[in-house]
Amino acid sequence: MSQIMYTLITASQIAQRIAELGTSISDAYRGRPLTVLGVLNGSVIFVADLMRSIGIPHRVGFVQASSYRGETTSAGELTVATGLMPDIAGRDVLLVDDIFDTGRTVERLLNEIHKARPASLKTAVLLWKDGRSQVALTPDYHGFRIPNEFVVGYGLDYDDDYRHLPMIGVLEPHDLGQ
């Protein structure tokens, strides 16, 4: 297993920011039928922690989107699967993803989810990568703005490893085949 070059965001910084996001989301959706919709696989840890920080009743479900395969650091063709998504018609939906990089994944997911007729649809991401967006949308909620580095940990992976790390780290460039 490769070594982490450095810790970009500590576990305690993540916990504090998720608590803040939970409070903001609770205030925004109080008295409304909220469904938190996580994007598999990278957002699982973030979704679990965010759910516990949201102080109002809400449902949870998942969709799957993937554009990275194996030991690659650049996106390939995006595949989307909504088979795990609960009925969201007439409900407020918060789409939760691990990272907003180019924005293409979130944009495509929003287009697919809109077909299920939610009352409203907003986005929350843990990480928002600077200078990479290729779409005309921005996340409604975000945890941290980060530099254009390949990050792992807290659900994010490289070759399906490192998801278990409690913090966000940056791999050595030579570990990424660069």
N, C-alpha and C. Protein backbone atom coordinates (compact mmCIF):
# COMPACT_ATOMS: atom_id res chain seq x y z
N MET A 1 0.85 -1.18 0.00
CA MET A 1 0.00 0.00 0.00
C MET A 1 0.88 1.24 0.00
N SER A 2 0.47 2.22 -0.75
CA SER A 2 1.21 3.47 -0.87
C SER A 2 1.08 4.29 0.41
N GLN A 3 1.95 5.24 0.55
CA GLN A 3 1.93 6.14 1.70
C GLN A 3 1.21 7.44 1.33
N ILE A 4 0.61 8.08 2.31
CA ILE A 4 -0.01 9.38 2.10
C ILE A 4 1.08 10.44 2.16
N MET A 5 1.09 11.35 1.18
CA MET A 5 2.07 12.43 1.17
C MET A 5 1.82 13.36 2.35
N TYR A 6 0.58 13.76 2.50
CA TYR A 6 0.24 14.63 3.62
C TYR A 6 -1.26 14.58 3.87
N THR A 7 -1.63 14.96 5.09
CA THR A 7 -3.04 15.06 5.44
C THR A 7 -3.52 16.43 5.03
N LEU A 8 -4.55 16.46 4.19
CA LEU A 8 -5.12 17.72 3.73
C LEU A 8 -6.18 18.22 4.71
N ILE A 9 -7.03 17.29 5.20
CA ILE A 9 -8.10 17.66 6.13
C ILE A 9 -8.15 16.57 7.20
N THR A 10 -8.06 16.97 8.45
CA THR A 10 -8.04 16.00 9.54
C THR A 10 -9.43 15.46 9.85
N ALA A 11 -9.47 14.35 10.55
CA ALA A 11 -10.74 13.76 10.96
C ALA A 11 -11.54 14.72 11.83
N SER A 12 -10.89 15.45 12.72
CA SER A 12 -11.62 16.38 13.58
C SER A 12 -12.16 17.57 12.79
N GLN A 13 -11.44 18.03 11.78
CA GLN A 13 -11.95 19.11 10.93
C GLN A 13 -13.19 18.64 10.17
N ILE A 14 -13.16 17.40 9.69
CA ILE A 14 -14.31 16.84 8.97
C ILE A 14 -15.51 16.75 9.90
N ALA A 15 -15.31 16.22 11.10
CA ALA A 15 -16.42 16.07 12.06
C ALA A 15 -17.05 17.42 12.39
N GLN A 16 -16.22 18.43 12.62
CA GLN A 16 -16.74 19.76 12.95
C GLN A 16 -17.54 20.34 11.79
N ARG A 17 -17.03 20.20 10.58
CA ARG A 17 -17.72 20.78 9.42
C ARG A 17 -19.03 20.04 9.13
N ILE A 18 -19.05 18.73 9.32
CA ILE A 18 -20.28 17.98 9.09
C ILE A 18 -21.34 18.38 10.11
N ALA A 19 -20.95 18.63 11.34
CA ALA A 19 -21.91 19.10 12.34
C ALA A 19 -22.51 20.44 11.90
N GLU A 20 -21.68 21.33 11.36
CA GLU A 20 -22.17 22.62 10.87
C GLU A 20 -23.13 22.43 9.69
N LEU A 21 -22.77 21.55 8.77
CA LEU A 21 -23.64 21.28 7.63
C LEU A 21 -24.97 20.70 8.09
N GLY A 22 -24.93 19.79 9.05
CA GLY A 22 -26.15 19.19 9.58
C GLY A 22 -27.09 20.23 10.16
N THR A 23 -26.55 21.19 10.87
CA THR A 23 -27.36 22.27 11.44
C THR A 23 -27.99 23.12 10.33
N SER A 24 -27.20 23.48 9.33
CA SER A 24 -27.71 24.29 8.21
C SER A 24 -28.81 23.55 7.45
N ILE A 25 -28.59 22.27 7.19
CA ILE A 25 -29.57 21.47 6.45
C ILE A 25 -30.84 21.31 7.28
N SER A 26 -30.70 21.06 8.58
CA SER A 26 -31.86 20.92 9.46
C SER A 26 -32.69 22.19 9.45
N ASP A 27 -32.04 23.34 9.54
CA ASP A 27 -32.75 24.62 9.52
C ASP A 27 -33.47 24.84 8.19
N ALA A 28 -32.83 24.48 7.09
CA ALA A 28 -33.40 24.71 5.76
C ALA A 28 -34.60 23.82 5.46
N TYR A 29 -34.60 22.61 6.00
CA TYR A 29 -35.64 21.64 5.66
C TYR A 29 -36.63 21.35 6.78
N ARG A 30 -36.56 22.08 7.87
CA ARG A 30 -37.46 21.85 9.00
C ARG A 30 -38.92 21.89 8.55
N GLY A 31 -39.67 20.83 8.90
CA GLY A 31 -41.08 20.75 8.56
C GLY A 31 -41.36 20.31 7.13
N ARG A 32 -40.32 19.88 6.43
CA ARG A 32 -40.47 19.47 5.03
C ARG A 32 -40.06 18.00 4.88
N PRO A 33 -40.61 17.29 3.91
CA PRO A 33 -40.30 15.86 3.73
C PRO A 33 -38.97 15.66 2.99
N LEU A 34 -37.90 15.48 3.74
CA LEU A 34 -36.55 15.39 3.19
C LEU A 34 -36.12 13.95 2.94
N THR A 35 -35.49 13.73 1.78
CA THR A 35 -34.80 12.47 1.48
C THR A 35 -33.36 12.80 1.17
N VAL A 36 -32.44 12.18 1.89
CA VAL A 36 -31.01 12.30 1.63
C VAL A 36 -30.67 11.17 0.66
N LEU A 37 -30.11 11.53 -0.47
CA LEU A 37 -29.81 10.57 -1.52
C LEU A 37 -28.30 10.56 -1.75
N GLY A 38 -27.63 9.51 -1.27
CA GLY A 38 -26.18 9.40 -1.39
C GLY A 38 -25.76 8.77 -2.69
N VAL A 39 -24.56 9.15 -3.15
CA VAL A 39 -23.99 8.60 -4.36
C VAL A 39 -22.96 7.54 -3.98
N LEU A 40 -23.24 6.29 -4.39
CA LEU A 40 -22.33 5.18 -4.09
C LEU A 40 -21.13 5.22 -5.02
N ASN A 41 -19.95 4.81 -4.55
CA ASN A 41 -19.63 4.29 -3.25
C ASN A 41 -18.98 5.34 -2.36
N GLY A 42 -18.43 6.37 -2.98
CA GLY A 42 -17.60 7.32 -2.27
C GLY A 42 -18.26 8.11 -1.16
N SER A 43 -19.58 8.30 -1.23
CA SER A 43 -20.23 9.16 -0.24
C SER A 43 -20.74 8.42 0.98
N VAL A 44 -20.56 7.11 1.07
CA VAL A 44 -21.19 6.33 2.13
C VAL A 44 -20.82 6.84 3.53
N ILE A 45 -19.55 7.09 3.77
CA ILE A 45 -19.12 7.55 5.09
C ILE A 45 -19.67 8.96 5.37
N PHE A 46 -19.59 9.82 4.38
CA PHE A 46 -20.12 11.18 4.52
C PHE A 46 -21.62 11.14 4.78
N VAL A 47 -22.36 10.34 4.03
CA VAL A 47 -23.81 10.23 4.22
C VAL A 47 -24.13 9.76 5.63
N ALA A 48 -23.43 8.73 6.10
CA ALA A 48 -23.70 8.19 7.44
C ALA A 48 -23.48 9.26 8.51
N ASP A 49 -22.39 9.98 8.42
CA ASP A 49 -22.11 11.02 9.42
C ASP A 49 -23.06 12.21 9.27
N LEU A 50 -23.37 12.58 8.03
CA LEU A 50 -24.27 13.71 7.81
C LEU A 50 -25.67 13.38 8.32
N MET A 51 -26.14 12.16 8.06
CA MET A 51 -27.47 11.76 8.55
C MET A 51 -27.60 11.94 10.05
N ARG A 52 -26.56 11.57 10.78
CA ARG A 52 -26.59 11.69 12.23
C ARG A 52 -26.51 13.14 12.69
N SER A 53 -26.05 14.03 11.82
CA SER A 53 -25.95 15.45 12.15
C SER A 53 -27.20 16.24 11.77
N ILE A 54 -28.05 15.64 10.94
CA ILE A 54 -29.28 16.32 10.55
C ILE A 54 -30.31 16.04 11.64
N GLY A 55 -30.77 17.09 12.29
CA GLY A 55 -31.63 16.96 13.47
C GLY A 55 -33.11 16.93 13.19
N ILE A 56 -33.51 16.58 12.00
CA ILE A 56 -34.93 16.48 11.65
C ILE A 56 -35.17 15.11 11.01
N PRO A 57 -36.41 14.63 11.04
CA PRO A 57 -36.69 13.34 10.40
C PRO A 57 -36.40 13.41 8.89
N HIS A 58 -35.81 12.35 8.37
CA HIS A 58 -35.52 12.28 6.94
C HIS A 58 -35.34 10.83 6.52
N ARG A 59 -35.54 10.59 5.25
CA ARG A 59 -35.32 9.28 4.66
C ARG A 59 -33.96 9.27 4.00
N VAL A 60 -33.49 8.07 3.69
CA VAL A 60 -32.21 7.95 2.99
C VAL A 60 -32.33 6.92 1.88
N GLY A 61 -31.60 7.16 0.82
CA GLY A 61 -31.52 6.24 -0.30
C GLY A 61 -30.20 6.45 -1.01
N PHE A 62 -29.98 5.66 -2.05
CA PHE A 62 -28.72 5.75 -2.78
C PHE A 62 -28.93 5.63 -4.28
N VAL A 63 -28.03 6.24 -5.02
CA VAL A 63 -27.90 6.06 -6.46
C VAL A 63 -26.44 5.70 -6.69
N GLN A 64 -26.16 5.11 -7.83
CA GLN A 64 -24.78 4.76 -8.12
C GLN A 64 -24.33 5.47 -9.38
N ALA A 65 -23.15 6.07 -9.29
CA ALA A 65 -22.54 6.74 -10.43
C ALA A 65 -21.06 6.46 -10.38
N SER A 66 -20.49 6.14 -11.53
CA SER A 66 -19.07 5.84 -11.56
C SER A 66 -18.47 6.24 -12.90
N SER A 67 -17.30 6.87 -12.82
CA SER A 67 -16.59 7.21 -14.04
C SER A 67 -15.11 6.86 -13.93
N TYR A 68 -14.66 6.40 -12.77
CA TYR A 68 -13.27 6.03 -12.57
C TYR A 68 -13.19 4.52 -12.46
N ARG A 69 -12.24 3.91 -13.12
CA ARG A 69 -12.08 2.47 -13.08
C ARG A 69 -10.64 2.12 -12.73
N GLY A 70 -10.47 1.27 -11.73
CA GLY A 70 -9.14 0.76 -11.40
C GLY A 70 -8.16 1.84 -11.00
N GLU A 71 -6.96 1.77 -11.54
CA GLU A 71 -5.87 2.66 -11.15
C GLU A 71 -5.79 3.90 -12.02
N THR A 72 -6.92 4.49 -12.31
CA THR A 72 -6.93 5.69 -13.14
C THR A 72 -7.19 6.92 -12.28
N THR A 73 -6.66 8.04 -12.73
CA THR A 73 -6.91 9.30 -12.04
C THR A 73 -7.69 10.26 -12.93
N SER A 74 -8.11 9.80 -14.11
CA SER A 74 -8.93 10.62 -14.98
C SER A 74 -10.23 9.89 -15.28
N ALA A 75 -11.29 10.66 -15.43
CA ALA A 75 -12.62 10.08 -15.58
C ALA A 75 -12.80 9.46 -16.96
N GLY A 76 -13.55 8.37 -16.95
CA GLY A 76 -13.96 7.73 -18.20
C GLY A 76 -15.43 8.00 -18.41
N GLU A 77 -16.12 7.09 -19.10
CA GLU A 77 -17.55 7.25 -19.37
C GLU A 77 -18.34 7.08 -18.07
N LEU A 78 -19.27 7.98 -17.84
CA LEU A 78 -20.09 7.95 -16.62
C LEU A 78 -21.24 6.97 -16.77
N THR A 79 -21.38 6.10 -15.78
CA THR A 79 -22.53 5.21 -15.72
C THR A 79 -23.35 5.58 -14.50
N VAL A 80 -24.68 5.57 -14.65
CA VAL A 80 -25.60 5.95 -13.57
C VAL A 80 -26.61 4.83 -13.40
N ALA A 81 -26.86 4.45 -12.14
CA ALA A 81 -27.88 3.45 -11.82
C ALA A 81 -28.77 4.00 -10.71
N THR A 82 -30.07 4.08 -10.95
CA THR A 82 -31.00 4.64 -9.97
C THR A 82 -31.89 3.56 -9.35
N GLY A 83 -31.56 2.29 -9.54
CA GLY A 83 -32.38 1.20 -9.05
C GLY A 83 -32.53 1.14 -7.54
N LEU A 84 -31.59 1.70 -6.80
CA LEU A 84 -31.66 1.71 -5.33
C LEU A 84 -32.36 2.95 -4.79
N MET A 85 -32.75 3.85 -5.66
CA MET A 85 -33.36 5.11 -5.24
C MET A 85 -34.80 4.88 -4.78
N PRO A 86 -35.15 5.39 -3.62
CA PRO A 86 -36.54 5.27 -3.15
C PRO A 86 -37.46 6.20 -3.93
N ASP A 87 -38.75 6.06 -3.70
CA ASP A 87 -39.73 6.96 -4.31
C ASP A 87 -39.52 8.36 -3.72
N ILE A 88 -39.23 9.32 -4.57
CA ILE A 88 -38.95 10.69 -4.10
C ILE A 88 -39.95 11.69 -4.66
N ALA A 89 -40.95 11.22 -5.35
CA ALA A 89 -41.94 12.14 -5.93
C ALA A 89 -42.56 13.00 -4.83
N GLY A 90 -42.54 14.31 -5.03
CA GLY A 90 -43.13 15.24 -4.08
C GLY A 90 -42.32 15.48 -2.82
N ARG A 91 -41.13 14.91 -2.73
CA ARG A 91 -40.27 15.10 -1.55
C ARG A 91 -39.11 16.03 -1.89
N ASP A 92 -38.60 16.71 -0.87
CA ASP A 92 -37.38 17.49 -1.04
C ASP A 92 -36.22 16.50 -1.01
N VAL A 93 -35.30 16.63 -1.96
CA VAL A 93 -34.18 15.70 -2.07
C VAL A 93 -32.87 16.46 -1.96
N LEU A 94 -31.98 15.91 -1.15
CA LEU A 94 -30.62 16.43 -1.03
C LEU A 94 -29.69 15.36 -1.57
N LEU A 95 -29.11 15.59 -2.73
CA LEU A 95 -28.15 14.68 -3.34
C LEU A 95 -26.79 14.90 -2.69
N VAL A 96 -26.22 13.84 -2.11
CA VAL A 96 -24.98 13.94 -1.35
C VAL A 96 -23.89 13.14 -2.05
N ASP A 97 -22.80 13.83 -2.42
CA ASP A 97 -21.67 13.16 -3.08
C ASP A 97 -20.39 13.50 -2.33
N ASP A 98 -19.36 12.71 -2.59
CA ASP A 98 -18.10 12.91 -1.89
C ASP A 98 -17.33 14.12 -2.40
N ILE A 99 -17.30 14.29 -3.75
CA ILE A 99 -16.46 15.35 -4.29
C ILE A 99 -17.10 15.97 -5.54
N PHE A 100 -16.97 17.27 -5.65
CA PHE A 100 -17.38 18.00 -6.85
C PHE A 100 -16.10 18.36 -7.56
N ASP A 101 -15.81 17.64 -8.65
CA ASP A 101 -14.58 17.83 -9.41
C ASP A 101 -14.93 18.60 -10.68
N THR A 102 -15.22 17.92 -11.77
CA THR A 102 -15.65 18.61 -12.99
C THR A 102 -17.11 19.02 -12.90
N GLY A 103 -17.87 18.34 -12.05
CA GLY A 103 -19.29 18.61 -11.91
C GLY A 103 -20.17 17.79 -12.83
N ARG A 104 -19.56 17.05 -13.72
CA ARG A 104 -20.34 16.28 -14.69
C ARG A 104 -21.16 15.17 -14.03
N THR A 105 -20.61 14.54 -13.01
CA THR A 105 -21.37 13.48 -12.32
C THR A 105 -22.60 14.07 -11.66
N VAL A 106 -22.44 15.16 -10.92
CA VAL A 106 -23.58 15.78 -10.24
C VAL A 106 -24.61 16.26 -11.27
N GLU A 107 -24.15 16.89 -12.34
CA GLU A 107 -25.07 17.37 -13.36
C GLU A 107 -25.89 16.22 -13.96
N ARG A 108 -25.24 15.14 -14.30
CA ARG A 108 -25.94 13.99 -14.88
C ARG A 108 -26.92 13.38 -13.88
N LEU A 109 -26.49 13.26 -12.62
CA LEU A 109 -27.38 12.72 -11.59
C LEU A 109 -28.60 13.61 -11.39
N LEU A 110 -28.40 14.91 -11.36
CA LEU A 110 -29.53 15.83 -11.20
C LEU A 110 -30.55 15.65 -12.32
N ASN A 111 -30.06 15.49 -13.55
CA ASN A 111 -30.95 15.27 -14.69
C ASN A 111 -31.74 13.97 -14.53
N GLU A 112 -31.10 12.91 -14.07
CA GLU A 112 -31.78 11.63 -13.86
C GLU A 112 -32.79 11.72 -12.71
N ILE A 113 -32.41 12.34 -11.63
CA ILE A 113 -33.27 12.42 -10.44
C ILE A 113 -34.49 13.31 -10.70
N HIS A 114 -34.32 14.35 -11.49
CA HIS A 114 -35.46 15.23 -11.83
C HIS A 114 -36.61 14.44 -12.47
N LYS A 115 -36.28 13.36 -13.17
CA LYS A 115 -37.30 12.54 -13.83
C LYS A 115 -38.25 11.89 -12.82
N ALA A 116 -37.81 11.76 -11.55
CA ALA A 116 -38.63 11.16 -10.50
C ALA A 116 -39.52 12.18 -9.80
N ARG A 117 -39.54 13.41 -10.27
CA ARG A 117 -40.43 14.48 -9.82
C ARG A 117 -40.31 14.84 -8.33
N PRO A 118 -39.11 15.13 -7.83
CA PRO A 118 -39.02 15.61 -6.45
C PRO A 118 -39.60 17.02 -6.34
N ALA A 119 -40.00 17.39 -5.12
CA ALA A 119 -40.51 18.74 -4.88
C ALA A 119 -39.39 19.76 -5.06
N SER A 120 -38.20 19.41 -4.59
CA SER A 120 -37.01 20.25 -4.78
C SER A 120 -35.80 19.32 -4.82
N LEU A 121 -34.71 19.83 -5.36
CA LEU A 121 -33.49 19.03 -5.49
C LEU A 121 -32.29 19.93 -5.31
N LYS A 122 -31.52 19.65 -4.25
CA LYS A 122 -30.30 20.40 -3.98
C LYS A 122 -29.15 19.42 -3.80
N THR A 123 -27.94 19.98 -3.74
CA THR A 123 -26.74 19.14 -3.65
C THR A 123 -25.89 19.50 -2.44
N ALA A 124 -25.22 18.48 -1.93
CA ALA A 124 -24.23 18.65 -0.86
C ALA A 124 -23.03 17.78 -1.20
N VAL A 125 -21.86 18.35 -1.11
CA VAL A 125 -20.62 17.59 -1.35
C VAL A 125 -19.66 17.84 -0.19
N LEU A 126 -18.87 16.84 0.12
CA LEU A 126 -17.87 17.04 1.16
C LEU A 126 -16.75 17.94 0.64
N LEU A 127 -16.27 17.66 -0.57
CA LEU A 127 -15.14 18.37 -1.14
C LEU A 127 -15.52 19.04 -2.46
N TRP A 128 -15.03 20.25 -2.66
CA TRP A 128 -15.25 20.98 -3.90
C TRP A 128 -13.87 21.38 -4.42
N LYS A 129 -13.46 20.75 -5.52
CA LYS A 129 -12.12 20.94 -6.05
C LYS A 129 -12.04 22.24 -6.86
N ASP A 130 -11.08 23.09 -6.51
CA ASP A 130 -10.90 24.38 -7.17
C ASP A 130 -10.44 24.23 -8.62
N GLY A 131 -11.02 25.06 -9.48
CA GLY A 131 -10.54 25.20 -10.85
C GLY A 131 -10.81 24.04 -11.78
N ARG A 132 -11.71 23.15 -11.44
CA ARG A 132 -11.94 21.97 -12.28
C ARG A 132 -13.33 21.92 -12.90
N SER A 133 -14.24 22.75 -12.47
CA SER A 133 -15.63 22.66 -12.92
C SER A 133 -15.75 22.85 -14.43
N GLN A 134 -16.57 21.99 -15.03
CA GLN A 134 -16.86 22.06 -16.46
C GLN A 134 -18.36 22.23 -16.70
N VAL A 135 -19.10 22.58 -15.66
CA VAL A 135 -20.55 22.74 -15.76
C VAL A 135 -20.95 24.08 -15.16
N ALA A 136 -22.18 24.48 -15.44
CA ALA A 136 -22.67 25.78 -14.97
C ALA A 136 -23.47 25.67 -13.68
N LEU A 137 -23.09 24.74 -12.81
CA LEU A 137 -23.77 24.64 -11.52
C LEU A 137 -22.73 24.57 -10.42
N THR A 138 -23.17 24.88 -9.22
CA THR A 138 -22.30 24.79 -8.05
C THR A 138 -23.07 24.06 -6.95
N PRO A 139 -22.36 23.39 -6.05
CA PRO A 139 -23.05 22.70 -4.95
C PRO A 139 -23.78 23.69 -4.04
N ASP A 140 -24.95 23.27 -3.55
CA ASP A 140 -25.71 24.10 -2.63
C ASP A 140 -25.06 24.11 -1.24
N TYR A 141 -24.49 22.98 -0.86
CA TYR A 141 -23.76 22.84 0.41
C TYR A 141 -22.43 22.16 0.11
N HIS A 142 -21.39 22.61 0.78
CA HIS A 142 -20.10 21.92 0.63
C HIS A 142 -19.33 21.99 1.94
N GLY A 143 -18.50 20.99 2.13
CA GLY A 143 -17.69 20.93 3.34
C GLY A 143 -16.43 21.77 3.22
N PHE A 144 -15.63 21.47 2.19
CA PHE A 144 -14.32 22.10 2.05
C PHE A 144 -14.01 22.37 0.59
N ARG A 145 -13.41 23.53 0.31
CA ARG A 145 -12.80 23.79 -0.99
C ARG A 145 -11.39 23.24 -0.91
N ILE A 146 -10.97 22.52 -1.95
CA ILE A 146 -9.63 21.91 -1.93
C ILE A 146 -8.89 22.23 -3.22
N PRO A 147 -7.54 22.16 -3.18
CA PRO A 147 -6.76 22.37 -4.40
C PRO A 147 -6.92 21.18 -5.35
N ASN A 148 -6.45 21.34 -6.55
CA ASN A 148 -6.54 20.31 -7.57
C ASN A 148 -5.48 19.23 -7.31
N GLU A 149 -5.77 18.39 -6.32
CA GLU A 149 -4.90 17.27 -5.94
C GLU A 149 -5.76 16.01 -5.98
N PHE A 150 -5.11 14.85 -6.16
CA PHE A 150 -5.84 13.59 -6.11
C PHE A 150 -5.93 13.16 -4.65
N VAL A 151 -7.14 13.18 -4.10
CA VAL A 151 -7.34 12.94 -2.69
C VAL A 151 -7.98 11.57 -2.43
N VAL A 152 -7.66 11.03 -1.26
CA VAL A 152 -8.20 9.74 -0.82
C VAL A 152 -8.59 9.85 0.64
N GLY A 153 -9.36 8.87 1.09
CA GLY A 153 -9.77 8.82 2.48
C GLY A 153 -11.19 9.28 2.66
N TYR A 154 -11.78 8.93 3.80
CA TYR A 154 -13.14 9.31 4.14
C TYR A 154 -14.12 8.98 3.02
N GLY A 155 -13.92 7.80 2.43
CA GLY A 155 -14.80 7.32 1.36
C GLY A 155 -14.21 7.43 -0.03
N LEU A 156 -13.27 8.34 -0.23
CA LEU A 156 -12.65 8.48 -1.55
C LEU A 156 -11.54 7.46 -1.71
N ASP A 157 -11.39 6.95 -2.94
CA ASP A 157 -10.45 5.86 -3.14
C ASP A 157 -9.48 6.10 -4.28
N TYR A 158 -8.47 5.25 -4.33
CA TYR A 158 -7.60 5.07 -5.47
C TYR A 158 -7.48 3.56 -5.66
N ASP A 159 -7.92 3.07 -6.81
CA ASP A 159 -7.95 1.64 -7.10
C ASP A 159 -8.73 0.89 -6.03
N ASP A 160 -9.81 1.48 -5.56
CA ASP A 160 -10.72 0.92 -4.57
C ASP A 160 -10.08 0.69 -3.20
N ASP A 161 -9.03 1.43 -2.90
CA ASP A 161 -8.38 1.36 -1.60
C ASP A 161 -8.41 2.75 -0.97
N TYR A 162 -8.11 2.83 0.31
CA TYR A 162 -8.00 4.06 1.10
C TYR A 162 -9.33 4.64 1.57
N ARG A 163 -10.47 4.07 1.18
CA ARG A 163 -11.77 4.61 1.59
C ARG A 163 -11.90 4.64 3.12
N HIS A 164 -11.23 3.74 3.79
CA HIS A 164 -11.37 3.58 5.24
C HIS A 164 -10.67 4.66 6.06
N LEU A 165 -9.79 5.43 5.46
CA LEU A 165 -9.03 6.42 6.22
C LEU A 165 -9.97 7.47 6.81
N PRO A 166 -9.74 7.90 8.06
CA PRO A 166 -10.64 8.84 8.72
C PRO A 166 -10.44 10.30 8.32
N MET A 167 -9.43 10.56 7.49
CA MET A 167 -9.13 11.93 7.06
C MET A 167 -9.02 11.96 5.55
N ILE A 168 -8.79 13.15 5.00
CA ILE A 168 -8.55 13.33 3.57
C ILE A 168 -7.06 13.54 3.39
N GLY A 169 -6.45 12.69 2.55
CA GLY A 169 -5.02 12.80 2.29
C GLY A 169 -4.73 12.86 0.81
N VAL A 170 -3.49 13.23 0.50
CA VAL A 170 -3.02 13.31 -0.88
C VAL A 170 -1.92 12.28 -1.06
N LEU A 171 -2.06 11.45 -2.09
CA LEU A 171 -1.04 10.44 -2.38
C LEU A 171 0.19 11.05 -3.03
N GLU A 172 1.34 10.41 -2.85
CA GLU A 172 2.56 10.81 -3.55
C GLU A 172 2.31 10.69 -5.05
N PRO A 173 2.79 11.63 -5.84
CA PRO A 173 2.59 11.54 -7.30
C PRO A 173 3.08 10.22 -7.90
N HIS A 174 4.21 9.70 -7.41
CA HIS A 174 4.72 8.44 -7.98
C HIS A 174 3.80 7.26 -7.66
N ASP A 175 2.98 7.38 -6.62
CA ASP A 175 2.02 6.32 -6.29
C ASP A 175 0.81 6.34 -7.22
N LEU A 176 0.67 7.42 -7.97
CA LEU A 176 -0.45 7.55 -8.92
C LEU A 176 -0.01 7.22 -10.33
N GLY A 177 1.20 6.73 -10.50
CA GLY A 177 1.70 6.38 -11.82
C GLY A 177 2.03 7.61 -12.66
N GLN A 178 2.31 8.73 -12.00
CA GLN A 178 2.61 9.96 -12.74
C GLN A 178 4.10 10.22 -12.75
